[in-house]
Amino acid sequence: MNIDRVPLWQRDRWVEPMHAGVHGPDYFSARHPIRRLLGARMQPDYGRIMVCRGRRMVAWLGVYVDARRGFRPTERAALVEVSAQLALPLRMAAVLDDDTPSIELAPRQRHIVSRVALGWSNKRIARDLEISPATVKTILERLFRTSGAANRTALVEWWGRGG
């Protein structure tokens, strides 16, 4: 799993990867660390919550059970509820603990990147802001260098994380 690109349907909620088809039954090979921890004979099943900031995972909490038993309906309901209650505080803690400096964008940069997020072309952005397409291109090139983004999608994700 790429922790920098967690799919939307798996973010900040209780997921049981085996039942959701994320992992197959062979996921827990005999050499998997959890098999050694729980006992090599036990084939585990598990559920987890991946707390994300944007698309990036910032916290992971998992619960393992014997696959022969699986999660009981009452356990599943309780885990869904606990996951929902944990998501926001864990995301907030990650933001507060994040020592990555945030870069404040100039108003014109914010105007342009917000329109890029809407899927607008450089030409449309230029018309809307009453500037030349060359100016839009220059500002975007600077934003790509600053953010390290390789494309418009990555630039919008970077901006969404707080620049």
N, C-alpha and C. Protein backbone atom coordinates (compact mmCIF):
# COMPACT_ATOMS: atom_id res chain seq x y z
N MET A 1 0.85 -1.18 0.00
CA MET A 1 0.00 0.00 0.00
C MET A 1 0.89 1.23 0.00
N ASN A 2 0.58 2.16 -0.85
CA ASN A 2 1.30 3.42 -0.91
C ASN A 2 0.64 4.38 0.09
N ILE A 3 1.33 4.69 1.17
CA ILE A 3 0.71 5.52 2.22
C ILE A 3 0.55 6.98 1.79
N ASP A 4 1.13 7.35 0.66
CA ASP A 4 0.96 8.71 0.15
C ASP A 4 -0.24 8.82 -0.78
N ARG A 5 -0.86 7.72 -1.13
CA ARG A 5 -1.97 7.73 -2.08
C ARG A 5 -3.08 6.77 -1.65
N VAL A 6 -3.60 6.98 -0.47
CA VAL A 6 -4.66 6.12 0.06
C VAL A 6 -5.95 6.43 -0.71
N PRO A 7 -6.60 5.40 -1.28
CA PRO A 7 -7.84 5.64 -2.00
C PRO A 7 -8.91 6.24 -1.09
N LEU A 8 -9.75 7.09 -1.66
CA LEU A 8 -10.76 7.82 -0.90
C LEU A 8 -11.63 6.89 -0.06
N TRP A 9 -12.06 5.76 -0.63
CA TRP A 9 -12.99 4.89 0.08
C TRP A 9 -12.35 4.21 1.29
N GLN A 10 -11.02 4.26 1.40
CA GLN A 10 -10.34 3.63 2.54
C GLN A 10 -9.90 4.65 3.60
N ARG A 11 -10.11 5.92 3.37
CA ARG A 11 -9.62 6.95 4.29
C ARG A 11 -10.56 7.16 5.46
N ASP A 12 -9.98 7.25 6.67
CA ASP A 12 -10.67 7.71 7.87
C ASP A 12 -11.92 6.91 8.21
N ARG A 13 -11.92 5.62 7.90
CA ARG A 13 -13.08 4.79 8.25
C ARG A 13 -12.63 3.35 8.48
N TRP A 14 -13.49 2.62 9.14
CA TRP A 14 -13.22 1.21 9.40
C TRP A 14 -13.32 0.43 8.10
N VAL A 15 -12.28 -0.34 7.81
CA VAL A 15 -12.24 -1.18 6.60
C VAL A 15 -11.74 -2.55 7.03
N GLU A 16 -12.35 -3.59 6.48
CA GLU A 16 -11.86 -4.95 6.67
C GLU A 16 -11.32 -5.41 5.33
N PRO A 17 -10.00 -5.26 5.13
CA PRO A 17 -9.40 -5.46 3.81
C PRO A 17 -9.65 -6.82 3.16
N MET A 18 -9.69 -7.90 3.94
CA MET A 18 -9.95 -9.22 3.35
C MET A 18 -11.35 -9.26 2.75
N HIS A 19 -12.32 -8.77 3.51
CA HIS A 19 -13.71 -8.81 3.06
C HIS A 19 -13.98 -7.79 1.96
N ALA A 20 -13.21 -6.71 1.93
CA ALA A 20 -13.38 -5.68 0.90
C ALA A 20 -12.63 -6.03 -0.38
N GLY A 21 -11.84 -7.11 -0.34
CA GLY A 21 -11.10 -7.53 -1.52
C GLY A 21 -9.79 -6.77 -1.72
N VAL A 22 -9.35 -6.03 -0.70
CA VAL A 22 -8.08 -5.31 -0.78
C VAL A 22 -6.92 -6.30 -0.70
N HIS A 23 -7.04 -7.29 0.18
CA HIS A 23 -6.03 -8.33 0.33
C HIS A 23 -6.69 -9.69 0.13
N GLY A 24 -5.95 -10.60 -0.47
CA GLY A 24 -6.43 -11.96 -0.64
C GLY A 24 -6.09 -12.80 0.57
N PRO A 25 -6.56 -14.05 0.60
CA PRO A 25 -6.30 -14.93 1.75
C PRO A 25 -4.82 -15.25 1.95
N ASP A 26 -4.01 -15.06 0.91
CA ASP A 26 -2.58 -15.35 1.03
C ASP A 26 -1.79 -14.16 1.56
N TYR A 27 -2.47 -13.07 1.93
CA TYR A 27 -1.78 -11.87 2.41
C TYR A 27 -0.91 -12.17 3.63
N PHE A 28 -1.42 -12.97 4.55
CA PHE A 28 -0.67 -13.32 5.76
C PHE A 28 0.10 -14.61 5.53
N SER A 29 1.20 -14.50 4.80
CA SER A 29 2.03 -15.68 4.56
C SER A 29 2.62 -16.14 5.89
N ALA A 30 3.20 -17.34 5.88
CA ALA A 30 3.79 -17.89 7.10
C ALA A 30 4.91 -16.99 7.63
N ARG A 31 5.52 -16.19 6.74
CA ARG A 31 6.63 -15.32 7.16
C ARG A 31 6.16 -13.92 7.55
N HIS A 32 4.88 -13.64 7.42
CA HIS A 32 4.36 -12.32 7.77
C HIS A 32 4.59 -12.06 9.26
N PRO A 33 5.05 -10.86 9.65
CA PRO A 33 5.36 -10.58 11.06
C PRO A 33 4.19 -10.82 12.02
N ILE A 34 2.98 -10.54 11.59
CA ILE A 34 1.84 -10.73 12.50
C ILE A 34 1.60 -12.21 12.78
N ARG A 35 1.95 -13.08 11.82
CA ARG A 35 1.81 -14.52 12.05
C ARG A 35 2.77 -14.97 13.14
N ARG A 36 3.97 -14.41 13.14
CA ARG A 36 4.94 -14.76 14.20
C ARG A 36 4.46 -14.24 15.54
N LEU A 37 3.87 -13.05 15.54
CA LEU A 37 3.39 -12.44 16.77
C LEU A 37 2.20 -13.21 17.35
N LEU A 38 1.26 -13.60 16.50
CA LEU A 38 0.05 -14.26 16.96
C LEU A 38 0.18 -15.78 17.05
N GLY A 39 1.22 -16.31 16.48
CA GLY A 39 1.38 -17.76 16.45
C GLY A 39 1.24 -18.23 15.02
N ALA A 40 2.22 -18.94 14.53
CA ALA A 40 2.29 -19.32 13.12
C ALA A 40 1.09 -20.12 12.64
N ARG A 41 0.39 -20.82 13.54
CA ARG A 41 -0.74 -21.65 13.10
C ARG A 41 -2.00 -20.83 12.86
N MET A 42 -2.09 -19.68 13.48
CA MET A 42 -3.31 -18.89 13.37
C MET A 42 -3.30 -18.05 12.10
N GLN A 43 -4.32 -18.19 11.28
CA GLN A 43 -4.50 -17.34 10.10
C GLN A 43 -5.35 -16.16 10.55
N PRO A 44 -4.77 -14.95 10.63
CA PRO A 44 -5.55 -13.81 11.12
C PRO A 44 -6.45 -13.19 10.07
N ASP A 45 -7.43 -12.51 10.54
CA ASP A 45 -8.24 -11.61 9.75
C ASP A 45 -8.07 -10.26 10.46
N TYR A 46 -8.32 -9.19 9.77
CA TYR A 46 -8.14 -7.92 10.45
C TYR A 46 -9.00 -6.83 9.85
N GLY A 47 -9.13 -5.79 10.63
CA GLY A 47 -9.78 -4.57 10.20
C GLY A 47 -8.89 -3.42 10.62
N ARG A 48 -9.07 -2.28 9.95
CA ARG A 48 -8.21 -1.16 10.28
C ARG A 48 -8.84 0.15 9.85
N ILE A 49 -8.30 1.20 10.44
CA ILE A 49 -8.62 2.56 10.02
C ILE A 49 -7.31 3.21 9.64
N MET A 50 -7.27 3.86 8.48
CA MET A 50 -6.12 4.63 8.04
C MET A 50 -6.54 6.09 8.08
N VAL A 51 -6.02 6.83 9.04
CA VAL A 51 -6.35 8.23 9.19
C VAL A 51 -5.44 9.02 8.25
N CYS A 52 -6.05 9.86 7.44
CA CYS A 52 -5.31 10.55 6.40
C CYS A 52 -5.41 12.06 6.51
N ARG A 53 -4.41 12.69 6.02
CA ARG A 53 -4.41 14.14 5.81
C ARG A 53 -4.22 14.32 4.31
N GLY A 54 -5.28 14.75 3.64
CA GLY A 54 -5.27 14.70 2.19
C GLY A 54 -5.30 13.23 1.80
N ARG A 55 -4.42 12.81 0.91
CA ARG A 55 -4.36 11.41 0.52
C ARG A 55 -3.33 10.63 1.32
N ARG A 56 -2.54 11.31 2.13
CA ARG A 56 -1.44 10.67 2.85
C ARG A 56 -1.88 10.13 4.21
N MET A 57 -1.52 8.87 4.48
CA MET A 57 -1.83 8.27 5.76
C MET A 57 -0.94 8.88 6.84
N VAL A 58 -1.56 9.29 7.96
CA VAL A 58 -0.81 9.85 9.07
C VAL A 58 -0.90 8.97 10.32
N ALA A 59 -1.87 8.06 10.35
CA ALA A 59 -2.00 7.14 11.48
C ALA A 59 -2.72 5.88 11.00
N TRP A 60 -2.38 4.77 11.63
CA TRP A 60 -2.99 3.49 11.27
C TRP A 60 -3.29 2.75 12.56
N LEU A 61 -4.49 2.23 12.66
CA LEU A 61 -4.88 1.45 13.82
C LEU A 61 -5.55 0.19 13.31
N GLY A 62 -5.02 -0.97 13.70
CA GLY A 62 -5.57 -2.22 13.23
C GLY A 62 -5.93 -3.15 14.37
N VAL A 63 -6.89 -4.01 14.12
CA VAL A 63 -7.32 -5.01 15.08
C VAL A 63 -7.30 -6.36 14.37
N TYR A 64 -6.63 -7.33 14.96
CA TYR A 64 -6.52 -8.67 14.39
C TYR A 64 -7.37 -9.65 15.18
N VAL A 65 -8.00 -10.57 14.46
CA VAL A 65 -8.75 -11.65 15.09
C VAL A 65 -8.45 -12.94 14.34
N ASP A 66 -8.74 -14.04 14.97
CA ASP A 66 -8.60 -15.34 14.34
C ASP A 66 -9.57 -15.42 13.17
N ALA A 67 -9.06 -15.73 11.99
CA ALA A 67 -9.91 -15.75 10.79
C ALA A 67 -11.02 -16.79 10.88
N ARG A 68 -10.84 -17.80 11.74
CA ARG A 68 -11.91 -18.81 11.87
C ARG A 68 -13.13 -18.22 12.54
N ARG A 69 -12.92 -17.18 13.34
CA ARG A 69 -14.03 -16.57 14.05
C ARG A 69 -14.52 -15.32 13.34
N GLY A 70 -13.61 -14.50 12.85
CA GLY A 70 -13.97 -13.25 12.22
C GLY A 70 -14.53 -12.26 13.24
N PHE A 71 -14.93 -11.10 12.80
CA PHE A 71 -15.52 -10.09 13.68
C PHE A 71 -16.99 -10.39 13.89
N ARG A 72 -17.43 -10.33 15.12
CA ARG A 72 -18.86 -10.47 15.42
C ARG A 72 -19.56 -9.17 15.04
N PRO A 73 -20.84 -9.22 14.73
CA PRO A 73 -21.56 -7.99 14.36
C PRO A 73 -21.47 -6.88 15.41
N THR A 74 -21.53 -7.24 16.69
CA THR A 74 -21.44 -6.21 17.73
C THR A 74 -20.04 -5.60 17.77
N GLU A 75 -19.00 -6.43 17.56
CA GLU A 75 -17.62 -5.91 17.52
C GLU A 75 -17.45 -4.98 16.32
N ARG A 76 -17.96 -5.42 15.18
CA ARG A 76 -17.85 -4.61 13.97
C ARG A 76 -18.51 -3.24 14.18
N ALA A 77 -19.71 -3.22 14.74
CA ALA A 77 -20.43 -1.96 14.98
C ALA A 77 -19.64 -1.07 15.94
N ALA A 78 -19.08 -1.66 16.98
CA ALA A 78 -18.30 -0.87 17.94
C ALA A 78 -17.03 -0.32 17.28
N LEU A 79 -16.38 -1.11 16.45
CA LEU A 79 -15.15 -0.66 15.78
C LEU A 79 -15.44 0.44 14.76
N VAL A 80 -16.55 0.35 14.08
CA VAL A 80 -16.95 1.42 13.14
C VAL A 80 -17.15 2.72 13.91
N GLU A 81 -17.83 2.63 15.07
CA GLU A 81 -18.09 3.82 15.89
C GLU A 81 -16.80 4.41 16.46
N VAL A 82 -15.93 3.55 16.99
CA VAL A 82 -14.67 4.03 17.55
C VAL A 82 -13.81 4.66 16.45
N SER A 83 -13.78 4.06 15.28
CA SER A 83 -13.01 4.60 14.17
C SER A 83 -13.49 6.00 13.80
N ALA A 84 -14.80 6.17 13.74
CA ALA A 84 -15.36 7.49 13.40
C ALA A 84 -14.97 8.53 14.45
N GLN A 85 -14.94 8.11 15.73
CA GLN A 85 -14.59 9.05 16.80
C GLN A 85 -13.09 9.36 16.83
N LEU A 86 -12.26 8.43 16.36
CA LEU A 86 -10.81 8.63 16.40
C LEU A 86 -10.27 9.43 15.22
N ALA A 87 -10.95 9.40 14.10
CA ALA A 87 -10.41 10.00 12.87
C ALA A 87 -10.06 11.47 13.04
N LEU A 88 -10.98 12.28 13.49
CA LEU A 88 -10.73 13.71 13.60
C LEU A 88 -9.62 14.04 14.60
N PRO A 89 -9.65 13.50 15.83
CA PRO A 89 -8.55 13.83 16.76
C PRO A 89 -7.18 13.39 16.26
N LEU A 90 -7.10 12.24 15.59
CA LEU A 90 -5.81 11.79 15.07
C LEU A 90 -5.33 12.67 13.92
N ARG A 91 -6.24 13.10 13.06
CA ARG A 91 -5.85 14.02 11.98
C ARG A 91 -5.38 15.35 12.57
N MET A 92 -6.09 15.85 13.57
CA MET A 92 -5.69 17.11 14.20
C MET A 92 -4.33 16.98 14.87
N ALA A 93 -4.08 15.86 15.54
CA ALA A 93 -2.79 15.64 16.18
C ALA A 93 -1.68 15.62 15.14
N ALA A 94 -1.93 15.00 14.01
CA ALA A 94 -0.92 14.95 12.95
C ALA A 94 -0.63 16.34 12.41
N VAL A 95 -1.65 17.15 12.25
CA VAL A 95 -1.46 18.52 11.76
C VAL A 95 -0.66 19.33 12.79
N LEU A 96 -1.02 19.21 14.06
CA LEU A 96 -0.33 19.96 15.10
C LEU A 96 1.11 19.51 15.27
N ASP A 97 1.37 18.23 15.00
CA ASP A 97 2.71 17.69 15.16
C ASP A 97 3.56 17.88 13.91
N ASP A 98 2.94 18.29 12.83
CA ASP A 98 3.64 18.44 11.55
C ASP A 98 4.59 19.62 11.62
N ASP A 99 5.88 19.34 11.54
CA ASP A 99 6.86 20.43 11.59
C ASP A 99 7.28 20.89 10.21
N THR A 100 6.58 20.42 9.17
CA THR A 100 6.87 20.87 7.82
C THR A 100 6.40 22.31 7.67
N PRO A 101 7.29 23.19 7.28
CA PRO A 101 6.86 24.58 7.15
C PRO A 101 5.83 24.74 6.03
N SER A 102 4.82 25.50 6.30
CA SER A 102 3.80 25.79 5.32
C SER A 102 4.22 27.04 4.55
N ILE A 103 4.01 27.00 3.25
CA ILE A 103 4.38 28.13 2.41
C ILE A 103 3.11 28.91 2.11
N GLU A 104 3.13 30.17 2.44
CA GLU A 104 1.98 31.04 2.20
C GLU A 104 2.00 31.49 0.73
N LEU A 105 0.94 31.20 0.01
CA LEU A 105 0.87 31.61 -1.38
C LEU A 105 0.38 33.05 -1.49
N ALA A 106 0.89 33.73 -2.50
CA ALA A 106 0.42 35.08 -2.79
C ALA A 106 -1.01 34.97 -3.32
N PRO A 107 -1.78 36.05 -3.21
CA PRO A 107 -3.17 36.01 -3.68
C PRO A 107 -3.30 35.53 -5.13
N ARG A 108 -2.45 36.03 -6.02
CA ARG A 108 -2.53 35.62 -7.44
C ARG A 108 -2.27 34.13 -7.58
N GLN A 109 -1.28 33.59 -6.83
CA GLN A 109 -1.00 32.15 -6.87
C GLN A 109 -2.20 31.35 -6.40
N ARG A 110 -2.84 31.80 -5.30
CA ARG A 110 -4.04 31.11 -4.78
C ARG A 110 -5.16 31.15 -5.82
N HIS A 111 -5.34 32.29 -6.47
CA HIS A 111 -6.39 32.40 -7.48
C HIS A 111 -6.17 31.39 -8.61
N ILE A 112 -4.92 31.28 -9.04
CA ILE A 112 -4.61 30.38 -10.15
C ILE A 112 -4.75 28.92 -9.74
N VAL A 113 -4.16 28.54 -8.62
CA VAL A 113 -4.23 27.13 -8.23
C VAL A 113 -5.66 26.71 -7.89
N SER A 114 -6.48 27.63 -7.38
CA SER A 114 -7.88 27.28 -7.11
C SER A 114 -8.63 26.99 -8.40
N ARG A 115 -8.27 27.69 -9.47
CA ARG A 115 -8.92 27.44 -10.77
C ARG A 115 -8.37 26.17 -11.43
N VAL A 116 -7.09 25.90 -11.19
CA VAL A 116 -6.52 24.63 -11.66
C VAL A 116 -7.27 23.48 -11.00
N ALA A 117 -7.60 23.63 -9.72
CA ALA A 117 -8.35 22.60 -8.99
C ALA A 117 -9.73 22.36 -9.60
N LEU A 118 -10.27 23.37 -10.26
CA LEU A 118 -11.57 23.22 -10.94
C LEU A 118 -11.44 22.59 -12.31
N GLY A 119 -10.19 22.35 -12.74
CA GLY A 119 -9.95 21.73 -14.03
C GLY A 119 -9.86 22.72 -15.18
N TRP A 120 -9.69 23.99 -14.86
CA TRP A 120 -9.64 25.01 -15.90
C TRP A 120 -8.31 24.98 -16.64
N SER A 121 -8.34 25.35 -17.92
CA SER A 121 -7.13 25.48 -18.72
C SER A 121 -6.44 26.81 -18.41
N ASN A 122 -5.18 26.92 -18.81
CA ASN A 122 -4.46 28.19 -18.62
C ASN A 122 -5.19 29.33 -19.32
N LYS A 123 -5.70 29.05 -20.50
CA LYS A 123 -6.38 30.09 -21.27
C LYS A 123 -7.63 30.59 -20.55
N ARG A 124 -8.40 29.67 -20.00
CA ARG A 124 -9.62 30.06 -19.27
C ARG A 124 -9.27 30.83 -17.99
N ILE A 125 -8.23 30.37 -17.28
CA ILE A 125 -7.79 31.08 -16.07
C ILE A 125 -7.37 32.50 -16.43
N ALA A 126 -6.61 32.64 -17.52
CA ALA A 126 -6.14 33.96 -17.94
C ALA A 126 -7.32 34.88 -18.25
N ARG A 127 -8.32 34.36 -18.97
CA ARG A 127 -9.50 35.18 -19.28
C ARG A 127 -10.22 35.59 -18.01
N ASP A 128 -10.39 34.65 -17.09
CA ASP A 128 -11.12 34.93 -15.85
C ASP A 128 -10.41 35.97 -14.99
N LEU A 129 -9.09 35.89 -14.93
CA LEU A 129 -8.31 36.80 -14.08
C LEU A 129 -7.84 38.05 -14.83
N GLU A 130 -8.16 38.11 -16.12
CA GLU A 130 -7.77 39.24 -16.97
C GLU A 130 -6.26 39.46 -16.97
N ILE A 131 -5.54 38.33 -17.18
CA ILE A 131 -4.09 38.36 -17.34
C ILE A 131 -3.76 37.53 -18.57
N SER A 132 -2.51 37.53 -18.98
CA SER A 132 -2.14 36.78 -20.18
C SER A 132 -1.93 35.30 -19.85
N PRO A 133 -2.15 34.41 -20.82
CA PRO A 133 -1.85 32.99 -20.61
C PRO A 133 -0.38 32.76 -20.25
N ALA A 134 0.51 33.61 -20.76
CA ALA A 134 1.94 33.48 -20.43
C ALA A 134 2.18 33.75 -18.95
N THR A 135 1.45 34.69 -18.38
CA THR A 135 1.58 34.97 -16.94
C THR A 135 1.09 33.77 -16.12
N VAL A 136 -0.02 33.19 -16.54
CA VAL A 136 -0.54 32.00 -15.86
C VAL A 136 0.51 30.89 -15.92
N LYS A 137 1.09 30.68 -17.10
CA LYS A 137 2.10 29.63 -17.27
C LYS A 137 3.31 29.88 -16.38
N THR A 138 3.77 31.13 -16.31
CA THR A 138 4.94 31.47 -15.49
C THR A 138 4.65 31.22 -14.00
N ILE A 139 3.49 31.63 -13.55
CA ILE A 139 3.13 31.43 -12.14
C ILE A 139 3.01 29.94 -11.84
N LEU A 140 2.41 29.18 -12.76
CA LEU A 140 2.30 27.73 -12.55
C LEU A 140 3.68 27.07 -12.52
N GLU A 141 4.59 27.49 -13.39
CA GLU A 141 5.94 26.92 -13.38
C GLU A 141 6.63 27.17 -12.04
N ARG A 142 6.45 28.36 -11.49
CA ARG A 142 7.03 28.65 -10.17
C ARG A 142 6.39 27.79 -9.09
N LEU A 143 5.07 27.60 -9.18
CA LEU A 143 4.38 26.76 -8.21
C LEU A 143 4.84 25.30 -8.31
N PHE A 144 5.07 24.82 -9.52
CA PHE A 144 5.57 23.45 -9.70
C PHE A 144 6.95 23.31 -9.05
N ARG A 145 7.81 24.29 -9.24
CA ARG A 145 9.15 24.24 -8.63
C ARG A 145 9.05 24.28 -7.11
N THR A 146 8.22 25.18 -6.59
CA THR A 146 8.08 25.34 -5.15
C THR A 146 7.51 24.08 -4.50
N SER A 147 6.49 23.51 -5.13
CA SER A 147 5.79 22.37 -4.54
C SER A 147 6.48 21.04 -4.80
N GLY A 148 7.28 20.99 -5.86
CA GLY A 148 7.86 19.71 -6.27
C GLY A 148 6.87 18.85 -7.03
N ALA A 149 5.73 19.42 -7.36
CA ALA A 149 4.68 18.67 -8.08
C ALA A 149 5.08 18.47 -9.53
N ALA A 150 4.77 17.28 -10.05
CA ALA A 150 5.11 16.96 -11.43
C ALA A 150 4.00 17.31 -12.41
N ASN A 151 2.79 17.52 -11.90
CA ASN A 151 1.67 17.82 -12.79
C ASN A 151 0.61 18.61 -12.03
N ARG A 152 -0.46 18.97 -12.73
CA ARG A 152 -1.49 19.82 -12.14
C ARG A 152 -2.21 19.11 -10.99
N THR A 153 -2.45 17.82 -11.13
CA THR A 153 -3.12 17.07 -10.07
C THR A 153 -2.29 17.07 -8.79
N ALA A 154 -1.00 16.82 -8.93
CA ALA A 154 -0.11 16.81 -7.76
C ALA A 154 -0.02 18.21 -7.15
N LEU A 155 -0.06 19.24 -7.97
CA LEU A 155 -0.03 20.61 -7.46
C LEU A 155 -1.27 20.89 -6.61
N VAL A 156 -2.43 20.47 -7.09
CA VAL A 156 -3.68 20.69 -6.34
C VAL A 156 -3.65 19.91 -5.03
N GLU A 157 -3.13 18.67 -5.05
CA GLU A 157 -3.01 17.90 -3.81
C GLU A 157 -2.08 18.59 -2.82
N TRP A 158 -0.96 19.09 -3.31
CA TRP A 158 -0.02 19.82 -2.46
C TRP A 158 -0.70 21.03 -1.83
N TRP A 159 -1.41 21.77 -2.65
CA TRP A 159 -2.12 22.96 -2.17
C TRP A 159 -3.18 22.57 -1.14
N GLY A 160 -3.89 21.45 -1.39
CA GLY A 160 -4.91 20.98 -0.47
C GLY A 160 -4.36 20.57 0.90
N ARG A 161 -3.09 20.17 0.92
CA ARG A 161 -2.43 19.81 2.20
C ARG A 161 -1.91 21.03 2.94
N GLY A 162 -2.12 22.19 2.38
CA GLY A 162 -1.69 23.40 3.07
C GLY A 162 -0.42 24.00 2.50
N GLY A 163 -0.03 23.52 1.30
CA GLY A 163 1.14 24.10 0.65
C GLY A 163 2.35 23.84 1.45
